PDB file of all heavy atoms in Angstrom:
ATOM      1  N   LYS A   1     -13.856  -0.183   9.420  1.00  0.00           N
ATOM      2  CA  LYS A   1     -12.493   0.295   9.627  1.00  0.00           C
ATOM      3  C   LYS A   1     -11.540  -0.606   8.841  1.00  0.00           C
ATOM      4  O   LYS A   1     -11.432  -1.806   9.112  1.00  0.00           O
ATOM      5  CB  LYS A   1     -12.137   0.269  11.115  1.00  0.00           C
ATOM      6  CG  LYS A   1     -13.064   1.098  11.996  1.00  0.00           C
ATOM      7  CD  LYS A   1     -12.978   2.584  11.667  1.00  0.00           C
ATOM      8  CE  LYS A   1     -13.819   3.417  12.621  1.00  0.00           C
ATOM      9  NZ  LYS A   1     -13.772   4.860  12.304  1.00  0.00           N
ATOM     10  N   THR A   2     -10.905  -0.041   7.851  1.00  0.00           N
ATOM     11  CA  THR A   2      -9.985  -0.809   7.012  1.00  0.00           C
ATOM     12  C   THR A   2      -8.636  -0.117   6.953  1.00  0.00           C
ATOM     13  O   THR A   2      -8.496   1.049   7.336  1.00  0.00           O
ATOM     14  CB  THR A   2     -10.529  -0.956   5.579  1.00  0.00           C
ATOM     15  OG1 THR A   2     -10.574   0.342   4.973  1.00  0.00           O
ATOM     16  CG2 THR A   2     -11.913  -1.586   5.567  1.00  0.00           C
ATOM     17  N   LYS A   3      -7.676  -0.850   6.437  1.00  0.00           N
ATOM     18  CA  LYS A   3      -6.350  -0.279   6.187  1.00  0.00           C
ATOM     19  C   LYS A   3      -6.099  -0.328   4.689  1.00  0.00           C
ATOM     20  O   LYS A   3      -6.151  -1.400   4.085  1.00  0.00           O
ATOM     21  CB  LYS A   3      -5.272  -1.060   6.932  1.00  0.00           C
ATOM     22  CG  LYS A   3      -5.386  -0.964   8.450  1.00  0.00           C
ATOM     23  CD  LYS A   3      -4.302  -1.762   9.140  1.00  0.00           C
ATOM     24  CE  LYS A   3      -4.415  -1.668  10.659  1.00  0.00           C
ATOM     25  NZ  LYS A   3      -3.373  -2.490  11.351  1.00  0.00           N
ATOM     26  N   ILE A   4      -5.863   0.821   4.108  1.00  0.00           N
ATOM     27  CA  ILE A   4      -5.560   0.864   2.694  1.00  0.00           C
ATOM     28  C   ILE A   4      -4.296   0.049   2.431  1.00  0.00           C
ATOM     29  O   ILE A   4      -3.347   0.069   3.220  1.00  0.00           O
ATOM     30  CB  ILE A   4      -5.405   2.333   2.208  1.00  0.00           C
ATOM     31  CG1 ILE A   4      -5.415   2.410   0.686  1.00  0.00           C
ATOM     32  CG2 ILE A   4      -4.190   3.007   2.811  1.00  0.00           C
ATOM     33  CD1 ILE A   4      -5.536   3.826   0.148  1.00  0.00           C
ATOM     34  N   ALA A   5      -4.315  -0.749   1.359  1.00  0.00           N
ATOM     35  CA  ALA A   5      -3.186  -1.629   1.010  1.00  0.00           C
ATOM     36  C   ALA A   5      -2.862  -2.598   2.147  1.00  0.00           C
ATOM     37  O   ALA A   5      -1.695  -2.872   2.445  1.00  0.00           O
ATOM     38  CB  ALA A   5      -1.948  -0.822   0.624  1.00  0.00           C
ATOM     39  N   HIS A   6      -3.906  -3.142   2.765  1.00  0.00           N
ATOM     40  CA  HIS A   6      -3.741  -4.034   3.916  1.00  0.00           C
ATOM     41  C   HIS A   6      -2.810  -5.199   3.573  1.00  0.00           C
ATOM     42  O   HIS A   6      -3.051  -5.952   2.631  1.00  0.00           O
ATOM     43  CB  HIS A   6      -5.109  -4.566   4.342  1.00  0.00           C
ATOM     44  CG  HIS A   6      -5.086  -5.421   5.551  1.00  0.00           C
ATOM     45  ND1 HIS A   6      -5.619  -6.693   5.580  1.00  0.00           N
ATOM     46  CD2 HIS A   6      -4.602  -5.192   6.799  1.00  0.00           C
ATOM     47  CE1 HIS A   6      -5.475  -7.210   6.786  1.00  0.00           C
ATOM     48  NE2 HIS A   6      -4.861  -6.312   7.547  1.00  0.00           N
ATOM     49  N   GLY A   7      -1.745  -5.360   4.331  1.00  0.00           N
ATOM     50  CA  GLY A   7      -0.784  -6.435   4.107  1.00  0.00           C
ATOM     51  C   GLY A   7       0.455  -6.011   3.366  1.00  0.00           C
ATOM     52  O   GLY A   7       1.448  -6.755   3.305  1.00  0.00           O
ATOM     53  N   SER A   8       0.430  -4.831   2.801  1.00  0.00           N
ATOM     54  CA  SER A   8       1.616  -4.324   2.110  1.00  0.00           C
ATOM     55  C   SER A   8       2.686  -3.970   3.145  1.00  0.00           C
ATOM     56  O   SER A   8       2.385  -3.332   4.157  1.00  0.00           O
ATOM     57  CB  SER A   8       1.232  -3.086   1.296  1.00  0.00           C
ATOM     58  OG  SER A   8       2.339  -2.554   0.619  1.00  0.00           O
ATOM     59  N   PRO A   9       3.933  -4.389   2.927  1.00  0.00           N
ATOM     60  CA  PRO A   9       4.939  -4.271   3.987  1.00  0.00           C
ATOM     61  C   PRO A   9       5.266  -2.852   4.429  1.00  0.00           C
ATOM     62  O   PRO A   9       5.463  -2.607   5.619  1.00  0.00           O
ATOM     63  CB  PRO A   9       6.167  -4.965   3.398  1.00  0.00           C
ATOM     64  CG  PRO A   9       5.931  -5.061   1.942  1.00  0.00           C
ATOM     65  CD  PRO A   9       4.454  -5.119   1.759  1.00  0.00           C
ATOM     66  N   THR A  10       5.334  -1.895   3.490  1.00  0.00           N
ATOM     67  CA  THR A  10       5.703  -0.527   3.894  1.00  0.00           C
ATOM     68  C   THR A  10       4.660   0.517   3.507  1.00  0.00           C
ATOM     69  O   THR A  10       4.760   1.662   3.931  1.00  0.00           O
ATOM     70  CB  THR A  10       7.054  -0.112   3.277  1.00  0.00           C
ATOM     71  OG1 THR A  10       6.910   0.029   1.857  1.00  0.00           O
ATOM     72  CG2 THR A  10       8.135  -1.135   3.583  1.00  0.00           C
ATOM     73  N   LYS A  11       3.646   0.142   2.693  1.00  0.00           N
ATOM     74  CA  LYS A  11       2.677   1.131   2.221  1.00  0.00           C
ATOM     75  C   LYS A  11       1.289   0.937   2.816  1.00  0.00           C
ATOM     76  O   LYS A  11       0.371   1.691   2.491  1.00  0.00           O
ATOM     77  CB  LYS A  11       2.602   1.114   0.692  1.00  0.00           C
ATOM     78  CG  LYS A  11       3.898   1.582   0.031  1.00  0.00           C
ATOM     79  CD  LYS A  11       3.746   1.746  -1.475  1.00  0.00           C
ATOM     80  CE  LYS A  11       5.028   2.292  -2.087  1.00  0.00           C
ATOM     81  NZ  LYS A  11       4.913   2.510  -3.549  1.00  0.00           N
ATOM     82  N   GLU A  12       1.130  -0.053   3.689  1.00  0.00           N
ATOM     83  CA  GLU A  12      -0.159  -0.216   4.360  1.00  0.00           C
ATOM     84  C   GLU A  12      -0.484   1.050   5.142  1.00  0.00           C
ATOM     85  O   GLU A  12       0.351   1.574   5.886  1.00  0.00           O
ATOM     86  CB  GLU A  12      -0.113  -1.415   5.309  1.00  0.00           C
ATOM     87  CG  GLU A  12      -1.396  -1.597   6.119  1.00  0.00           C
ATOM     88  CD  GLU A  12      -1.319  -2.777   7.083  1.00  0.00           C
ATOM     89  OE1 GLU A  12      -1.326  -3.925   6.609  1.00  0.00           O
ATOM     90  OE2 GLU A  12      -1.212  -2.524   8.302  1.00  0.00           O
ATOM     91  N   GLY A  13      -1.699   1.552   4.953  1.00  0.00           N
ATOM     92  CA  GLY A  13      -2.147   2.722   5.699  1.00  0.00           C
ATOM     93  C   GLY A  13      -1.565   4.035   5.228  1.00  0.00           C
ATOM     94  O   GLY A  13      -1.735   5.052   5.899  1.00  0.00           O
ATOM     95  N   LYS A  14      -0.935   4.030   4.057  1.00  0.00           N
ATOM     96  CA  LYS A  14      -0.287   5.246   3.577  1.00  0.00           C
ATOM     97  C   LYS A  14      -0.904   5.716   2.261  1.00  0.00           C
ATOM     98  O   LYS A  14      -1.311   4.914   1.421  1.00  0.00           O
ATOM     99  CB  LYS A  14       1.210   5.014   3.399  1.00  0.00           C
ATOM    100  CG  LYS A  14       1.932   4.739   4.711  1.00  0.00           C
ATOM    101  CD  LYS A  14       3.430   4.572   4.499  1.00  0.00           C
ATOM    102  CE  LYS A  14       4.151   4.321   5.824  1.00  0.00           C
ATOM    103  NZ  LYS A  14       5.607   4.103   5.618  1.00  0.00           N
ATOM    104  N   ALA A  15      -0.917   7.039   2.069  1.00  0.00           N
ATOM    105  CA  ALA A  15      -1.499   7.621   0.868  1.00  0.00           C
ATOM    106  C   ALA A  15      -0.744   7.220  -0.391  1.00  0.00           C
ATOM    107  O   ALA A  15      -1.301   7.254  -1.488  1.00  0.00           O
ATOM    108  CB  ALA A  15      -1.525   9.147   0.994  1.00  0.00           C
ATOM    109  N   SER A  16       0.502   6.823  -0.250  1.00  0.00           N
ATOM    110  CA  SER A  16       1.305   6.437  -1.416  1.00  0.00           C
ATOM    111  C   SER A  16       0.745   5.209  -2.116  1.00  0.00           C
ATOM    112  O   SER A  16       1.086   4.934  -3.272  1.00  0.00           O
ATOM    113  CB  SER A  16       2.755   6.176  -1.003  1.00  0.00           C
ATOM    114  OG  SER A  16       2.821   5.171  -0.001  1.00  0.00           O
ATOM    115  N   SER A  17      -0.129   4.448  -1.435  1.00  0.00           N
ATOM    116  CA  SER A  17      -0.734   3.263  -2.053  1.00  0.00           C
ATOM    117  C   SER A  17      -2.051   3.571  -2.740  1.00  0.00           C
ATOM    118  O   SER A  17      -2.650   2.691  -3.356  1.00  0.00           O
ATOM    119  CB  SER A  17      -0.968   2.175  -1.000  1.00  0.00           C
ATOM    120  OG  SER A  17      -2.021   2.557  -0.115  1.00  0.00           O
ATOM    121  N   HIS A  18      -2.493   4.820  -2.663  1.00  0.00           N
ATOM    122  CA  HIS A  18      -3.822   5.143  -3.180  1.00  0.00           C
ATOM    123  C   HIS A  18      -3.869   5.102  -4.703  1.00  0.00           C
ATOM    124  O   HIS A  18      -4.689   4.380  -5.281  1.00  0.00           O
ATOM    125  CB  HIS A  18      -4.269   6.525  -2.694  1.00  0.00           C
ATOM    126  CG  HIS A  18      -5.518   7.018  -3.365  1.00  0.00           C
ATOM    127  ND1 HIS A  18      -6.776   6.647  -2.967  1.00  0.00           N
ATOM    128  CD2 HIS A  18      -5.692   7.837  -4.438  1.00  0.00           C
ATOM    129  CE1 HIS A  18      -7.673   7.215  -3.756  1.00  0.00           C
ATOM    130  NE2 HIS A  18      -7.043   7.950  -4.661  1.00  0.00           N
ATOM    131  N   GLY A  19      -3.042   5.884  -5.363  1.00  0.00           N
ATOM    132  CA  GLY A  19      -3.229   6.097  -6.785  1.00  0.00           C
ATOM    133  C   GLY A  19      -2.033   5.804  -7.654  1.00  0.00           C
ATOM    134  O   GLY A  19      -1.894   6.385  -8.734  1.00  0.00           O
ATOM    135  N   ALA A  20      -1.168   4.906  -7.230  1.00  0.00           N
ATOM    136  CA  ALA A  20       0.005   4.551  -8.026  1.00  0.00           C
ATOM    137  C   ALA A  20       0.362   3.098  -7.764  1.00  0.00           C
ATOM    138  O   ALA A  20       0.051   2.554  -6.694  1.00  0.00           O
ATOM    139  CB  ALA A  20       1.188   5.465  -7.664  1.00  0.00           C
ATOM    140  N   PRO A  21       0.988   2.429  -8.731  1.00  0.00           N
ATOM    141  CA  PRO A  21       1.422   1.044  -8.505  1.00  0.00           C
ATOM    142  C   PRO A  21       2.270   0.927  -7.245  1.00  0.00           C
ATOM    143  O   PRO A  21       3.022   1.853  -6.894  1.00  0.00           O
ATOM    144  CB  PRO A  21       2.226   0.721  -9.763  1.00  0.00           C
ATOM    145  CG  PRO A  21       1.731   1.669 -10.802  1.00  0.00           C
ATOM    146  CD  PRO A  21       1.375   2.927 -10.075  1.00  0.00           C
ATOM    147  N   LEU A  22       2.144  -0.210  -6.585  1.00  0.00           N
ATOM    148  CA  LEU A  22       2.925  -0.409  -5.352  1.00  0.00           C
ATOM    149  C   LEU A  22       4.410  -0.533  -5.638  1.00  0.00           C
ATOM    150  O   LEU A  22       5.247  -0.182  -4.803  1.00  0.00           O
ATOM    151  CB  LEU A  22       2.439  -1.664  -4.626  1.00  0.00           C
ATOM    152  CG  LEU A  22       1.007  -1.654  -4.087  1.00  0.00           C
ATOM    153  CD1 LEU A  22       0.684  -2.992  -3.423  1.00  0.00           C
ATOM    154  CD2 LEU A  22       0.788  -0.506  -3.117  1.00  0.00           C
ATOM    155  N   GLY A  23       4.749  -1.042  -6.819  1.00  0.00           N
ATOM    156  CA  GLY A  23       6.152  -1.305  -7.145  1.00  0.00           C
ATOM    157  C   GLY A  23       6.482  -2.775  -6.939  1.00  0.00           C
ATOM    158  O   GLY A  23       5.878  -3.447  -6.083  1.00  0.00           O
ATOM    159  N   PRO A  24       7.430  -3.330  -7.711  1.00  0.00           N
ATOM    160  CA  PRO A  24       7.731  -4.774  -7.666  1.00  0.00           C
ATOM    161  C   PRO A  24       8.075  -5.289  -6.275  1.00  0.00           C
ATOM    162  O   PRO A  24       7.599  -6.353  -5.868  1.00  0.00           O
ATOM    163  CB  PRO A  24       8.912  -4.919  -8.628  1.00  0.00           C
ATOM    164  CG  PRO A  24       8.799  -3.743  -9.547  1.00  0.00           C
ATOM    165  CD  PRO A  24       8.240  -2.631  -8.727  1.00  0.00           C
ATOM    166  N   ASP A  25       8.906  -4.557  -5.550  1.00  0.00           N
ATOM    167  CA  ASP A  25       9.324  -5.040  -4.227  1.00  0.00           C
ATOM    168  C   ASP A  25       8.152  -5.068  -3.253  1.00  0.00           C
ATOM    169  O   ASP A  25       8.014  -6.009  -2.459  1.00  0.00           O
ATOM    170  CB  ASP A  25      10.443  -4.152  -3.670  1.00  0.00           C
ATOM    171  CG  ASP A  25      11.739  -4.308  -4.439  1.00  0.00           C
ATOM    172  OD1 ASP A  25      11.902  -5.331  -5.140  1.00  0.00           O
ATOM    173  OD2 ASP A  25      12.587  -3.398  -4.352  1.00  0.00           O
ATOM    174  N   GLU A  26       7.290  -4.046  -3.340  1.00  0.00           N
ATOM    175  CA  GLU A  26       6.146  -3.977  -2.435  1.00  0.00           C
ATOM    176  C   GLU A  26       5.127  -5.072  -2.774  1.00  0.00           C
ATOM    177  O   GLU A  26       4.542  -5.688  -1.878  1.00  0.00           O
ATOM    178  CB  GLU A  26       5.488  -2.599  -2.518  1.00  0.00           C
ATOM    179  CG  GLU A  26       4.591  -2.259  -1.347  1.00  0.00           C
ATOM    180  CD  GLU A  26       5.358  -1.955  -0.062  1.00  0.00           C
ATOM    181  OE1 GLU A  26       6.599  -1.737  -0.137  1.00  0.00           O
ATOM    182  OE2 GLU A  26       4.732  -1.942   1.015  1.00  0.00           O
ATOM    183  N   VAL A  27       4.935  -5.320  -4.063  1.00  0.00           N
ATOM    184  CA  VAL A  27       4.031  -6.388  -4.478  1.00  0.00           C
ATOM    185  C   VAL A  27       4.551  -7.729  -3.983  1.00  0.00           C
ATOM    186  O   VAL A  27       3.788  -8.569  -3.467  1.00  0.00           O
ATOM    187  CB  VAL A  27       3.867  -6.398  -6.014  1.00  0.00           C
ATOM    188  CG1 VAL A  27       3.150  -7.666  -6.470  1.00  0.00           C
ATOM    189  CG2 VAL A  27       3.100  -5.166  -6.477  1.00  0.00           C
TER     190      VAL A  27
END
């Protein structure tokens, strides 16, 4: 059981982190 983009402030567990850059603020 994992969380996609684990640790990302707003994109953890979201499909938006699957196939596109996280973006400077998210990184």
